[in-house]
Amino acid sequence: MALLKTVHPDEAEGKVAEFYQQIDGAVGYIPEAFHLFSVSPDLLDGQMATMAYMASHPTISPTFIAMLRYLVSGKYRNAFCIGFNEAALVNAGINQEALRQSLIHPEMIPLPEHEKTLMLFVLKAIDKPANISEKDIEALHQAGWTDRDIYDALAAGAHHAATDVLFNAFKVASSLKTD
């Protein structure tokens, strides 16, 4: 149970009810961890917009985004997000052992090389933003990524890092749906 009072899906109204419907439609249920977003309906608009934008990104794949959330959550030791995204990635056909190894050795992530280049950049930028240089951006351009792609990927990673911090600080549920 979260440290803050959240809105249960049965009691949700307005923006919160709409958010819960979107989550239920996307994953088939409303994970308890997502209840935390109900604490601030006004900030929920941004959460919904970010999730919708990244889910339909023109060049960054949904697998990349799920892997990004998985690896960022590994850094922040967010059990819910690790498990949630691992399940999504395994369901998408990615080997579970390879995923778990990538938490220890991100350079081994099971992604195409150009996506791996972008992922490692995002992880580096989240960990040590001051260490990003023109050389990093040049390597991403050579891998075929645009400035918008680079910005969007890092924005998604930073956004998820903030979500992990919130989930961890407010002690949201760490279990997945088991039925």
N, C-alpha and C. Protein backbone atom coordinates (compact mmCIF):
# COMPACT_ATOMS: atom_id res chain seq x y z
N MET A 1 0.85 -1.18 0.00
CA MET A 1 0.00 0.00 0.00
C MET A 1 0.89 1.24 0.00
N ALA A 2 0.57 2.19 -0.85
CA ALA A 2 1.35 3.41 -0.97
C ALA A 2 1.24 4.26 0.30
N LEU A 3 2.27 5.07 0.54
CA LEU A 3 2.26 5.95 1.70
C LEU A 3 1.26 7.10 1.55
N LEU A 4 0.89 7.42 0.32
CA LEU A 4 -0.09 8.48 0.06
C LEU A 4 -1.44 7.86 -0.27
N LYS A 5 -2.49 8.61 0.00
CA LYS A 5 -3.85 8.13 -0.30
C LYS A 5 -4.08 8.20 -1.80
N THR A 6 -4.38 7.07 -2.39
CA THR A 6 -4.63 6.98 -3.83
C THR A 6 -6.11 6.69 -4.07
N VAL A 7 -6.51 6.84 -5.30
CA VAL A 7 -7.89 6.58 -5.70
C VAL A 7 -7.99 5.17 -6.27
N HIS A 8 -8.84 4.37 -5.70
CA HIS A 8 -9.08 3.02 -6.21
C HIS A 8 -9.85 3.13 -7.53
N PRO A 9 -9.62 2.24 -8.48
CA PRO A 9 -10.32 2.32 -9.76
C PRO A 9 -11.85 2.36 -9.64
N ASP A 10 -12.42 1.68 -8.64
CA ASP A 10 -13.87 1.70 -8.46
C ASP A 10 -14.40 3.06 -8.04
N GLU A 11 -13.53 3.92 -7.53
CA GLU A 11 -13.94 5.24 -7.04
C GLU A 11 -13.46 6.38 -7.94
N ALA A 12 -12.79 6.04 -9.02
CA ALA A 12 -12.17 7.05 -9.88
C ALA A 12 -13.21 7.83 -10.68
N GLU A 13 -12.89 9.11 -10.87
CA GLU A 13 -13.73 10.00 -11.68
C GLU A 13 -12.83 10.86 -12.55
N GLY A 14 -13.41 11.45 -13.59
CA GLY A 14 -12.69 12.41 -14.43
C GLY A 14 -11.42 11.86 -15.04
N LYS A 15 -10.34 12.67 -14.94
CA LYS A 15 -9.05 12.31 -15.53
C LYS A 15 -8.52 10.99 -14.99
N VAL A 16 -8.73 10.77 -13.71
CA VAL A 16 -8.22 9.55 -13.10
C VAL A 16 -8.93 8.33 -13.68
N ALA A 17 -10.26 8.41 -13.83
CA ALA A 17 -11.01 7.30 -14.41
C ALA A 17 -10.57 7.05 -15.85
N GLU A 18 -10.35 8.14 -16.59
CA GLU A 18 -9.90 8.01 -17.98
C GLU A 18 -8.53 7.34 -18.05
N PHE A 19 -7.62 7.73 -17.16
CA PHE A 19 -6.29 7.12 -17.10
C PHE A 19 -6.40 5.63 -16.80
N TYR A 20 -7.21 5.28 -15.80
CA TYR A 20 -7.37 3.87 -15.45
C TYR A 20 -7.95 3.08 -16.62
N GLN A 21 -8.87 3.66 -17.36
CA GLN A 21 -9.43 2.97 -18.53
C GLN A 21 -8.35 2.73 -19.58
N GLN A 22 -7.50 3.72 -19.79
CA GLN A 22 -6.42 3.56 -20.77
C GLN A 22 -5.46 2.45 -20.34
N ILE A 23 -5.11 2.43 -19.07
CA ILE A 23 -4.19 1.41 -18.58
C ILE A 23 -4.83 0.03 -18.68
N ASP A 24 -6.08 -0.07 -18.28
CA ASP A 24 -6.79 -1.35 -18.37
C ASP A 24 -6.87 -1.82 -19.82
N GLY A 25 -7.14 -0.90 -20.73
CA GLY A 25 -7.20 -1.25 -22.15
C GLY A 25 -5.86 -1.70 -22.70
N ALA A 26 -4.78 -1.11 -22.18
CA ALA A 26 -3.44 -1.43 -22.69
C ALA A 26 -2.89 -2.73 -22.13
N VAL A 27 -3.11 -2.98 -20.83
CA VAL A 27 -2.49 -4.16 -20.22
C VAL A 27 -3.48 -5.16 -19.65
N GLY A 28 -4.77 -4.85 -19.70
CA GLY A 28 -5.79 -5.80 -19.27
C GLY A 28 -6.15 -5.73 -17.80
N TYR A 29 -5.49 -4.88 -17.06
CA TYR A 29 -5.80 -4.65 -15.65
C TYR A 29 -5.12 -3.35 -15.23
N ILE A 30 -5.38 -2.91 -14.02
CA ILE A 30 -4.77 -1.68 -13.53
C ILE A 30 -3.83 -2.05 -12.39
N PRO A 31 -2.53 -2.11 -12.66
CA PRO A 31 -1.58 -2.45 -11.60
C PRO A 31 -1.71 -1.46 -10.43
N GLU A 32 -1.61 -1.99 -9.24
CA GLU A 32 -1.74 -1.14 -8.05
C GLU A 32 -0.74 0.01 -8.06
N ALA A 33 0.44 -0.22 -8.58
CA ALA A 33 1.45 0.84 -8.63
C ALA A 33 0.94 2.06 -9.39
N PHE A 34 0.13 1.84 -10.41
CA PHE A 34 -0.37 2.95 -11.22
C PHE A 34 -1.38 3.80 -10.46
N HIS A 35 -1.88 3.30 -9.34
CA HIS A 35 -2.80 4.09 -8.51
C HIS A 35 -2.11 5.36 -8.00
N LEU A 36 -0.78 5.32 -7.86
CA LEU A 36 -0.06 6.48 -7.33
C LEU A 36 -0.31 7.72 -8.18
N PHE A 37 -0.47 7.56 -9.47
CA PHE A 37 -0.69 8.71 -10.34
C PHE A 37 -2.00 9.43 -10.03
N SER A 38 -2.92 8.77 -9.33
CA SER A 38 -4.20 9.38 -9.01
C SER A 38 -4.08 10.47 -7.95
N VAL A 39 -2.96 10.54 -7.26
CA VAL A 39 -2.78 11.53 -6.20
C VAL A 39 -2.83 12.95 -6.77
N SER A 40 -2.38 13.13 -7.99
CA SER A 40 -2.35 14.46 -8.60
C SER A 40 -2.97 14.44 -9.99
N PRO A 41 -4.30 14.58 -10.06
CA PRO A 41 -4.96 14.53 -11.37
C PRO A 41 -4.44 15.55 -12.37
N ASP A 42 -3.96 16.69 -11.90
CA ASP A 42 -3.45 17.69 -12.84
C ASP A 42 -2.12 17.26 -13.47
N LEU A 43 -1.28 16.58 -12.71
CA LEU A 43 -0.03 16.06 -13.28
C LEU A 43 -0.27 14.81 -14.12
N LEU A 44 -1.41 14.19 -13.93
CA LEU A 44 -1.76 12.99 -14.68
C LEU A 44 -1.83 13.25 -16.18
N ASP A 45 -2.24 14.45 -16.57
CA ASP A 45 -2.29 14.80 -17.99
C ASP A 45 -0.92 14.60 -18.65
N GLY A 46 0.12 15.05 -17.99
CA GLY A 46 1.47 14.90 -18.53
C GLY A 46 1.89 13.44 -18.61
N GLN A 47 1.54 12.67 -17.59
CA GLN A 47 1.85 11.25 -17.59
C GLN A 47 1.16 10.54 -18.76
N MET A 48 -0.12 10.84 -18.94
CA MET A 48 -0.88 10.23 -20.03
C MET A 48 -0.31 10.63 -21.39
N ALA A 49 0.02 11.90 -21.54
CA ALA A 49 0.54 12.38 -22.82
C ALA A 49 1.89 11.74 -23.13
N THR A 50 2.75 11.64 -22.14
CA THR A 50 4.06 11.02 -22.35
C THR A 50 3.91 9.56 -22.74
N MET A 51 3.07 8.83 -22.01
CA MET A 51 2.87 7.41 -22.32
C MET A 51 2.29 7.23 -23.73
N ALA A 52 1.32 8.04 -24.10
CA ALA A 52 0.69 7.92 -25.42
C ALA A 52 1.69 8.26 -26.53
N TYR A 53 2.45 9.32 -26.33
CA TYR A 53 3.43 9.72 -27.34
C TYR A 53 4.48 8.63 -27.56
N MET A 54 5.04 8.12 -26.48
CA MET A 54 6.09 7.12 -26.62
C MET A 54 5.53 5.79 -27.17
N ALA A 55 4.29 5.47 -26.87
CA ALA A 55 3.68 4.23 -27.38
C ALA A 55 3.50 4.27 -28.89
N SER A 56 3.38 5.46 -29.44
CA SER A 56 3.18 5.58 -30.89
C SER A 56 4.31 6.36 -31.56
N HIS A 57 5.49 6.32 -30.97
CA HIS A 57 6.62 7.08 -31.51
C HIS A 57 6.92 6.62 -32.93
N PRO A 58 7.21 7.55 -33.82
CA PRO A 58 7.42 7.17 -35.22
C PRO A 58 8.69 6.37 -35.49
N THR A 59 9.70 6.45 -34.63
CA THR A 59 10.95 5.75 -34.92
C THR A 59 11.50 4.92 -33.76
N ILE A 60 11.03 5.15 -32.56
CA ILE A 60 11.51 4.40 -31.40
C ILE A 60 10.48 3.31 -31.10
N SER A 61 10.93 2.07 -31.13
CA SER A 61 10.01 0.94 -31.01
C SER A 61 9.48 0.75 -29.60
N PRO A 62 8.28 0.15 -29.48
CA PRO A 62 7.74 -0.18 -28.16
C PRO A 62 8.67 -1.13 -27.38
N THR A 63 9.36 -2.01 -28.08
CA THR A 63 10.31 -2.91 -27.41
C THR A 63 11.45 -2.10 -26.80
N PHE A 64 11.95 -1.13 -27.54
CA PHE A 64 13.00 -0.26 -27.02
C PHE A 64 12.52 0.44 -25.75
N ILE A 65 11.32 0.99 -25.78
CA ILE A 65 10.79 1.73 -24.63
C ILE A 65 10.63 0.80 -23.43
N ALA A 66 10.10 -0.40 -23.64
CA ALA A 66 9.95 -1.35 -22.53
C ALA A 66 11.32 -1.74 -21.98
N MET A 67 12.30 -1.94 -22.86
CA MET A 67 13.65 -2.27 -22.42
C MET A 67 14.25 -1.09 -21.65
N LEU A 68 14.00 0.12 -22.11
CA LEU A 68 14.48 1.31 -21.42
C LEU A 68 13.91 1.38 -20.00
N ARG A 69 12.61 1.18 -19.89
CA ARG A 69 11.98 1.19 -18.55
C ARG A 69 12.57 0.08 -17.68
N TYR A 70 12.79 -1.09 -18.26
CA TYR A 70 13.35 -2.23 -17.54
C TYR A 70 14.74 -1.90 -16.99
N LEU A 71 15.61 -1.37 -17.84
CA LEU A 71 16.98 -1.09 -17.43
C LEU A 71 17.07 0.08 -16.45
N VAL A 72 16.28 1.12 -16.68
CA VAL A 72 16.26 2.25 -15.74
C VAL A 72 15.74 1.77 -14.39
N SER A 73 14.72 0.96 -14.40
CA SER A 73 14.17 0.43 -13.14
C SER A 73 15.17 -0.46 -12.43
N GLY A 74 16.00 -1.15 -13.19
CA GLY A 74 17.07 -1.94 -12.58
C GLY A 74 18.04 -1.05 -11.82
N LYS A 75 18.37 0.08 -12.41
CA LYS A 75 19.27 1.04 -11.75
C LYS A 75 18.65 1.56 -10.45
N TYR A 76 17.35 1.80 -10.47
CA TYR A 76 16.66 2.35 -9.30
C TYR A 76 16.06 1.27 -8.40
N ARG A 77 16.30 0.02 -8.75
CA ARG A 77 15.83 -1.13 -7.97
C ARG A 77 14.33 -1.06 -7.70
N ASN A 78 13.58 -0.75 -8.74
CA ASN A 78 12.13 -0.70 -8.62
C ASN A 78 11.57 -2.06 -9.03
N ALA A 79 11.23 -2.86 -8.04
CA ALA A 79 10.80 -4.24 -8.28
C ALA A 79 9.56 -4.33 -9.16
N PHE A 80 8.59 -3.45 -8.94
CA PHE A 80 7.38 -3.50 -9.76
C PHE A 80 7.71 -3.29 -11.23
N CYS A 81 8.43 -2.20 -11.54
CA CYS A 81 8.71 -1.88 -12.93
C CYS A 81 9.63 -2.90 -13.60
N ILE A 82 10.56 -3.46 -12.83
CA ILE A 82 11.41 -4.52 -13.39
C ILE A 82 10.53 -5.70 -13.79
N GLY A 83 9.70 -6.16 -12.89
CA GLY A 83 8.84 -7.31 -13.17
C GLY A 83 7.83 -7.05 -14.26
N PHE A 84 7.20 -5.88 -14.22
CA PHE A 84 6.18 -5.51 -15.21
C PHE A 84 6.78 -5.48 -16.61
N ASN A 85 7.92 -4.81 -16.75
CA ASN A 85 8.54 -4.69 -18.08
C ASN A 85 9.21 -5.98 -18.52
N GLU A 86 9.74 -6.75 -17.58
CA GLU A 86 10.30 -8.05 -17.94
C GLU A 86 9.21 -8.95 -18.52
N ALA A 87 8.05 -8.96 -17.88
CA ALA A 87 6.93 -9.78 -18.39
C ALA A 87 6.53 -9.34 -19.79
N ALA A 88 6.46 -8.03 -20.02
CA ALA A 88 6.10 -7.51 -21.34
C ALA A 88 7.14 -7.91 -22.39
N LEU A 89 8.40 -7.82 -22.03
CA LEU A 89 9.47 -8.16 -22.97
C LEU A 89 9.52 -9.65 -23.26
N VAL A 90 9.33 -10.48 -22.24
CA VAL A 90 9.30 -11.93 -22.45
C VAL A 90 8.10 -12.28 -23.34
N ASN A 91 6.96 -11.65 -23.09
CA ASN A 91 5.78 -11.88 -23.94
C ASN A 91 6.02 -11.44 -25.38
N ALA A 92 6.94 -10.49 -25.57
CA ALA A 92 7.28 -10.03 -26.92
C ALA A 92 8.35 -10.92 -27.57
N GLY A 93 8.76 -11.98 -26.86
CA GLY A 93 9.68 -12.94 -27.44
C GLY A 93 11.14 -12.79 -27.06
N ILE A 94 11.45 -11.93 -26.10
CA ILE A 94 12.84 -11.74 -25.69
C ILE A 94 13.17 -12.73 -24.57
N ASN A 95 14.32 -13.34 -24.68
CA ASN A 95 14.77 -14.35 -23.73
C ASN A 95 14.94 -13.73 -22.34
N GLN A 96 14.31 -14.36 -21.35
CA GLN A 96 14.33 -13.85 -19.98
C GLN A 96 15.74 -13.80 -19.39
N GLU A 97 16.53 -14.82 -19.64
CA GLU A 97 17.89 -14.83 -19.11
C GLU A 97 18.72 -13.71 -19.73
N ALA A 98 18.54 -13.46 -21.02
CA ALA A 98 19.26 -12.36 -21.68
C ALA A 98 18.86 -11.03 -21.07
N LEU A 99 17.59 -10.88 -20.75
CA LEU A 99 17.12 -9.66 -20.10
C LEU A 99 17.80 -9.48 -18.75
N ARG A 100 17.79 -10.52 -17.97
CA ARG A 100 18.37 -10.43 -16.62
C ARG A 100 19.86 -10.14 -16.68
N GLN A 101 20.54 -10.71 -17.66
CA GLN A 101 21.96 -10.42 -17.83
C GLN A 101 22.18 -8.95 -18.20
N SER A 102 21.24 -8.37 -18.95
CA SER A 102 21.39 -6.97 -19.36
C SER A 102 21.26 -6.01 -18.18
N LEU A 103 20.61 -6.46 -17.10
CA LEU A 103 20.56 -5.62 -15.90
C LEU A 103 21.96 -5.48 -15.29
N ILE A 104 22.76 -6.51 -15.43
CA ILE A 104 24.12 -6.51 -14.89
C ILE A 104 25.10 -5.93 -15.92
N HIS A 105 24.89 -6.29 -17.18
CA HIS A 105 25.77 -5.87 -18.28
C HIS A 105 24.91 -5.24 -19.38
N PRO A 106 24.57 -3.95 -19.26
CA PRO A 106 23.69 -3.33 -20.26
C PRO A 106 24.19 -3.42 -21.69
N GLU A 107 25.50 -3.54 -21.86
CA GLU A 107 26.04 -3.65 -23.22
C GLU A 107 25.61 -4.96 -23.89
N MET A 108 25.02 -5.88 -23.13
CA MET A 108 24.56 -7.16 -23.67
C MET A 108 23.06 -7.15 -23.98
N ILE A 109 22.43 -5.98 -23.97
CA ILE A 109 20.99 -5.94 -24.19
C ILE A 109 20.63 -6.56 -25.54
N PRO A 110 19.58 -7.36 -25.54
CA PRO A 110 19.18 -8.03 -26.79
C PRO A 110 18.35 -7.10 -27.70
N LEU A 111 19.04 -6.14 -28.29
CA LEU A 111 18.42 -5.20 -29.22
C LEU A 111 19.30 -5.08 -30.46
N PRO A 112 18.73 -4.66 -31.59
CA PRO A 112 19.57 -4.40 -32.77
C PRO A 112 20.65 -3.36 -32.43
N GLU A 113 21.75 -3.41 -33.13
CA GLU A 113 22.92 -2.57 -32.80
C GLU A 113 22.58 -1.08 -32.72
N HIS A 114 21.80 -0.55 -33.67
CA HIS A 114 21.52 0.89 -33.63
C HIS A 114 20.68 1.25 -32.40
N GLU A 115 19.77 0.37 -31.98
CA GLU A 115 19.00 0.61 -30.77
C GLU A 115 19.86 0.48 -29.53
N LYS A 116 20.79 -0.46 -29.55
CA LYS A 116 21.71 -0.64 -28.43
C LYS A 116 22.53 0.64 -28.22
N THR A 117 22.97 1.25 -29.32
CA THR A 117 23.75 2.49 -29.25
C THR A 117 22.95 3.58 -28.56
N LEU A 118 21.69 3.72 -28.93
CA LEU A 118 20.82 4.72 -28.32
C LEU A 118 20.56 4.39 -26.84
N MET A 119 20.32 3.13 -26.55
CA MET A 119 20.05 2.72 -25.17
C MET A 119 21.24 3.01 -24.26
N LEU A 120 22.41 2.65 -24.70
CA LEU A 120 23.60 2.87 -23.87
C LEU A 120 23.84 4.36 -23.66
N PHE A 121 23.53 5.17 -24.67
CA PHE A 121 23.61 6.62 -24.51
C PHE A 121 22.65 7.10 -23.43
N VAL A 122 21.41 6.66 -23.49
CA VAL A 122 20.41 7.09 -22.51
C VAL A 122 20.83 6.68 -21.10
N LEU A 123 21.28 5.46 -20.95
CA LEU A 123 21.73 5.00 -19.62
C LEU A 123 22.91 5.82 -19.12
N LYS A 124 23.84 6.13 -20.01
CA LYS A 124 24.99 6.97 -19.63
C LYS A 124 24.52 8.37 -19.22
N ALA A 125 23.61 8.94 -19.99
CA ALA A 125 23.12 10.29 -19.71
C ALA A 125 22.35 10.36 -18.39
N ILE A 126 21.60 9.31 -18.08
CA ILE A 126 20.86 9.29 -16.81
C ILE A 126 21.83 9.15 -15.65
N ASP A 127 22.86 8.33 -15.85
CA ASP A 127 23.82 8.08 -14.78
C ASP A 127 24.80 9.24 -14.58
N LYS A 128 25.33 9.76 -15.69
CA LYS A 128 26.33 10.82 -15.60
C LYS A 128 26.10 11.84 -16.72
N PRO A 129 25.08 12.67 -16.59
CA PRO A 129 24.75 13.61 -17.67
C PRO A 129 25.90 14.55 -18.04
N ALA A 130 26.73 14.91 -17.09
CA ALA A 130 27.85 15.81 -17.39
C ALA A 130 28.88 15.17 -18.31
N ASN A 131 28.86 13.86 -18.43
CA ASN A 131 29.84 13.16 -19.27
C ASN A 131 29.42 13.03 -20.73
N ILE A 132 28.26 13.54 -21.08
CA ILE A 132 27.81 13.48 -22.48
C ILE A 132 28.56 14.54 -23.29
N SER A 133 29.01 14.12 -24.47
CA SER A 133 29.79 15.03 -25.31
C SER A 133 29.26 15.00 -26.75
N GLU A 134 29.83 15.88 -27.55
CA GLU A 134 29.49 15.91 -28.98
C GLU A 134 29.79 14.57 -29.63
N LYS A 135 30.81 13.90 -29.16
CA LYS A 135 31.19 12.59 -29.69
C LYS A 135 30.05 11.58 -29.52
N ASP A 136 29.38 11.63 -28.36
CA ASP A 136 28.23 10.74 -28.13
C ASP A 136 27.12 11.00 -29.13
N ILE A 137 26.83 12.27 -29.34
CA ILE A 137 25.75 12.65 -30.26
C ILE A 137 26.14 12.28 -31.69
N GLU A 138 27.38 12.50 -32.04
CA GLU A 138 27.87 12.14 -33.37
C GLU A 138 27.70 10.64 -33.62
N ALA A 139 28.03 9.82 -32.63
CA ALA A 139 27.88 8.36 -32.77
C ALA A 139 26.42 7.99 -32.97
N LEU A 140 25.52 8.69 -32.31
CA LEU A 140 24.09 8.42 -32.48
C LEU A 140 23.62 8.82 -33.87
N HIS A 141 24.09 9.95 -34.36
CA HIS A 141 23.75 10.36 -35.73
C HIS A 141 24.27 9.33 -36.73
N GLN A 142 25.48 8.83 -36.52
CA GLN A 142 26.04 7.82 -37.41
C GLN A 142 25.24 6.52 -37.36
N ALA A 143 24.60 6.25 -36.23
CA ALA A 143 23.76 5.06 -36.10
C ALA A 143 22.37 5.27 -36.71
N GLY A 144 22.11 6.49 -37.20
CA GLY A 144 20.85 6.75 -37.88
C GLY A 144 19.80 7.49 -37.06
N TRP A 145 20.15 7.93 -35.88
CA TRP A 145 19.17 8.61 -35.03
C TRP A 145 19.17 10.11 -35.29
N THR A 146 17.99 10.72 -35.25
CA THR A 146 17.86 12.16 -35.41
C THR A 146 17.95 12.83 -34.04
N ASP A 147 18.10 14.14 -34.05
CA ASP A 147 18.12 14.88 -32.78
C ASP A 147 16.82 14.65 -32.01
N ARG A 148 15.72 14.62 -32.72
CA ARG A 148 14.43 14.38 -32.04
C ARG A 148 14.41 13.00 -31.39
N ASP A 149 14.87 11.98 -32.10
CA ASP A 149 14.93 10.63 -31.53
C ASP A 149 15.77 10.61 -30.26
N ILE A 150 16.93 11.25 -30.33
CA ILE A 150 17.85 11.28 -29.20
C ILE A 150 17.21 11.98 -28.01
N TYR A 151 16.61 13.13 -28.28
CA TYR A 151 15.94 13.89 -27.22
C TYR A 151 14.78 13.08 -26.63
N ASP A 152 13.95 12.51 -27.49
CA ASP A 152 12.79 11.75 -27.02
C ASP A 152 13.19 10.54 -26.19
N ALA A 153 14.23 9.84 -26.63
CA ALA A 153 14.68 8.66 -25.88
C ALA A 153 15.19 9.05 -24.50
N LEU A 154 15.99 10.10 -24.44
CA LEU A 154 16.49 10.53 -23.13
C LEU A 154 15.37 11.10 -22.27
N ALA A 155 14.44 11.82 -22.87
CA ALA A 155 13.29 12.34 -22.11
C ALA A 155 12.49 11.17 -21.53
N ALA A 156 12.29 10.13 -22.33
CA ALA A 156 11.55 8.95 -21.83
C ALA A 156 12.30 8.28 -20.69
N GLY A 157 13.62 8.16 -20.82
CA GLY A 157 14.42 7.56 -19.77
C GLY A 157 14.41 8.39 -18.50
N ALA A 158 14.58 9.69 -18.63
CA ALA A 158 14.57 10.58 -17.46
C ALA A 158 13.19 10.58 -16.80
N HIS A 159 12.15 10.57 -17.61
CA HIS A 159 10.79 10.52 -17.08
C HIS A 159 10.58 9.24 -16.29
N HIS A 160 11.08 8.14 -16.84
CA HIS A 160 10.89 6.88 -16.12
C HIS A 160 11.74 6.83 -14.85
N ALA A 161 12.91 7.43 -14.88
CA ALA A 161 13.73 7.50 -13.66
C ALA A 161 12.96 8.25 -12.57
N ALA A 162 12.31 9.34 -12.95
CA ALA A 162 11.50 10.10 -11.98
C ALA A 162 10.34 9.24 -11.46
N THR A 163 9.72 8.47 -12.34
CA THR A 163 8.64 7.58 -11.92
C THR A 163 9.14 6.54 -10.94
N ASP A 164 10.30 5.97 -11.21
CA ASP A 164 10.89 4.99 -10.28
C ASP A 164 11.14 5.62 -8.91
N VAL A 165 11.65 6.84 -8.89
CA VAL A 165 11.90 7.53 -7.63
C VAL A 165 10.58 7.70 -6.87
N LEU A 166 9.54 8.13 -7.56
CA LEU A 166 8.23 8.31 -6.91
C LEU A 166 7.69 6.98 -6.38
N PHE A 167 7.74 5.94 -7.22
CA PHE A 167 7.25 4.63 -6.79
C PHE A 167 8.01 4.13 -5.55
N ASN A 168 9.32 4.28 -5.58
CA ASN A 168 10.13 3.81 -4.45
C ASN A 168 9.89 4.65 -3.20
N ALA A 169 9.86 5.96 -3.34
CA ALA A 169 9.69 6.84 -2.18
C ALA A 169 8.34 6.65 -1.50
N PHE A 170 7.30 6.46 -2.31
CA PHE A 170 5.95 6.34 -1.74
C PHE A 170 5.51 4.90 -1.55
N LYS A 171 6.45 3.96 -1.71
CA LYS A 171 6.23 2.54 -1.38
C LYS A 171 5.03 1.95 -2.08
N VAL A 172 4.97 2.13 -3.40
CA VAL A 172 3.87 1.51 -4.14
C VAL A 172 4.06 0.01 -4.19
N ALA A 173 3.01 -0.69 -4.55
CA ALA A 173 3.02 -2.16 -4.59
C ALA A 173 4.15 -2.65 -5.49
N SER A 174 4.79 -3.71 -5.06
CA SER A 174 5.87 -4.26 -5.86
C SER A 174 5.48 -5.58 -6.51
N SER A 175 4.23 -5.96 -6.41
CA SER A 175 3.82 -7.26 -6.97
C SER A 175 3.10 -7.06 -8.29
N LEU A 176 3.16 -8.10 -9.10
CA LEU A 176 2.46 -8.13 -10.37
C LEU A 176 1.16 -8.89 -10.21
N LYS A 177 0.26 -8.71 -11.16
CA LYS A 177 -0.98 -9.49 -11.16
C LYS A 177 -0.63 -10.97 -11.30
N THR A 178 -1.22 -11.77 -10.47
CA THR A 178 -0.87 -13.18 -10.47
C THR A 178 -1.99 -14.07 -11.00
N ASP A 179 -3.18 -13.54 -11.21
CA ASP A 179 -4.25 -14.41 -11.70
C ASP A 179 -4.44 -14.32 -13.18
